[in-house]
Amino acid sequence: MAQDEIKYERNQFGIVYKQCCASCALKKYRYDGKRFCKLNNKMVEALDVCEHWQMMEGLQNAGRKSGVVKDMVTKEIIIR
C-alpha cells in the first residue's frame, strides 16, 4: 500500500472523514488485531492510501440522525 497524501472529504450529511485504510470498507482485522486489506490480503497501516478505497457503511450513514440511545442494561430507548 502506498503512503500517498490523505484526503479529507465530507459525506452526504456533512460529516468529515479521512480517505485512507482506516475508513475503507475493504479493511479487515486478523485475530491479533492487525489490519489487512481483503482485496489483496496484505497488511496495511491505518493511514495507507490506495486507488481501491471504498467508503465503509458506517461513514455513509454518519450524521443521518436516525439512531437512538439505549440503556446498556435494560436496552430501553432513552433518547430518540
Protein backbone atom coordinates (compact mmCIF):
# COMPACT_ATOMS: atom_id res chain seq x y z
CA MET A 1 0.00 0.00 0.00
CA ALA A 2 1.20 3.48 -0.76
CA GLN A 3 1.54 6.29 1.75
CA ASP A 4 0.02 8.96 -0.50
CA GLU A 5 -1.49 12.21 0.67
CA ILE A 6 -4.60 11.69 2.78
CA LYS A 7 -7.72 13.48 1.55
CA TYR A 8 -10.34 14.89 3.88
CA GLU A 9 -13.84 14.56 2.42
CA ARG A 10 -17.44 15.05 3.58
CA ASN A 11 -20.22 12.51 3.31
CA GLN A 12 -23.73 13.45 2.12
CA PHE A 13 -24.65 14.58 5.65
CA GLY A 14 -21.63 16.88 6.09
CA ILE A 15 -19.51 14.62 8.33
CA VAL A 16 -15.76 14.94 7.64
CA TYR A 17 -13.70 11.73 7.24
CA LYS A 18 -10.18 10.77 6.13
CA GLN A 19 -9.98 8.85 2.87
CA CYS A 20 -7.47 6.18 3.99
CA CYS A 21 -7.35 2.50 5.01
CA ALA A 22 -8.79 3.29 8.45
CA SER A 23 -12.07 4.37 6.82
CA CYS A 24 -12.12 1.82 3.99
CA ALA A 25 -14.83 -0.82 3.56
CA LEU A 26 -12.20 -3.29 2.29
CA LYS A 27 -10.23 -3.44 5.55
CA LYS A 28 -10.47 -6.43 7.86
CA TYR A 29 -8.78 -7.38 11.12
CA ARG A 30 -6.81 -10.50 11.95
CA TYR A 31 -7.22 -12.44 15.19
CA ASP A 32 -4.32 -10.46 16.70
CA GLY A 33 -5.92 -7.10 15.85
CA LYS A 34 -3.67 -6.24 12.90
CA ARG A 35 -5.36 -4.58 9.92
CA PHE A 36 -5.22 -6.13 6.42
CA CYS A 37 -6.78 -5.38 3.05
CA LYS A 38 -9.22 -8.07 1.94
CA LEU A 39 -8.68 -7.04 -1.69
CA ASN A 40 -5.05 -8.17 -1.80
CA ASN A 41 -4.64 -9.89 1.64
CA LYS A 42 -1.69 -7.68 2.63
CA MET A 43 -1.05 -6.00 5.95
CA VAL A 44 -1.84 -2.27 5.90
CA GLU A 45 -1.38 0.68 8.21
CA ALA A 46 -4.25 2.96 9.23
CA LEU A 47 -3.05 5.89 7.12
CA ASP A 48 -2.18 3.93 3.97
CA VAL A 49 -4.00 5.05 0.83
CA CYS A 50 -4.73 3.26 -2.44
CA GLU A 51 -6.87 3.73 -5.55
CA HIS A 52 -9.33 0.97 -4.49
CA TRP A 53 -10.63 2.82 -1.42
CA GLN A 54 -14.37 2.43 -0.72
CA MET A 55 -16.35 4.26 1.93
CA MET A 56 -17.47 1.99 4.78
CA GLU A 57 -21.18 1.80 5.52
CA GLY A 58 -20.86 3.47 8.91
CA LEU A 59 -19.41 6.60 7.30
CA GLN A 60 -22.14 6.65 4.66
CA ASN A 61 -24.76 6.79 7.43
CA ALA A 62 -22.88 9.07 9.85
CA GLY A 63 -24.93 12.18 10.55
CA ARG A 64 -28.18 10.67 9.30
CA LYS A 65 -29.90 11.28 12.67
CA SER A 66 -31.84 8.04 12.53
CA GLY A 67 -30.25 6.37 15.55
CA VAL A 68 -31.37 6.07 19.14
CA VAL A 69 -29.61 5.82 22.51
CA LYS A 70 -30.44 2.72 24.56
CA ASP A 71 -29.80 1.90 28.21
CA MET A 72 -26.95 -0.65 28.39
CA VAL A 73 -28.69 -2.85 30.94
CA THR A 74 -32.38 -2.71 30.05
CA LYS A 75 -31.96 -1.91 26.33
CA GLU A 76 -34.76 0.65 26.76
CA ILE A 77 -34.66 3.62 24.38
CA ILE A 78 -33.58 6.70 26.34
CA ILE A 79 -33.13 9.28 23.55
CA ARG A 80 -34.82 9.26 20.17
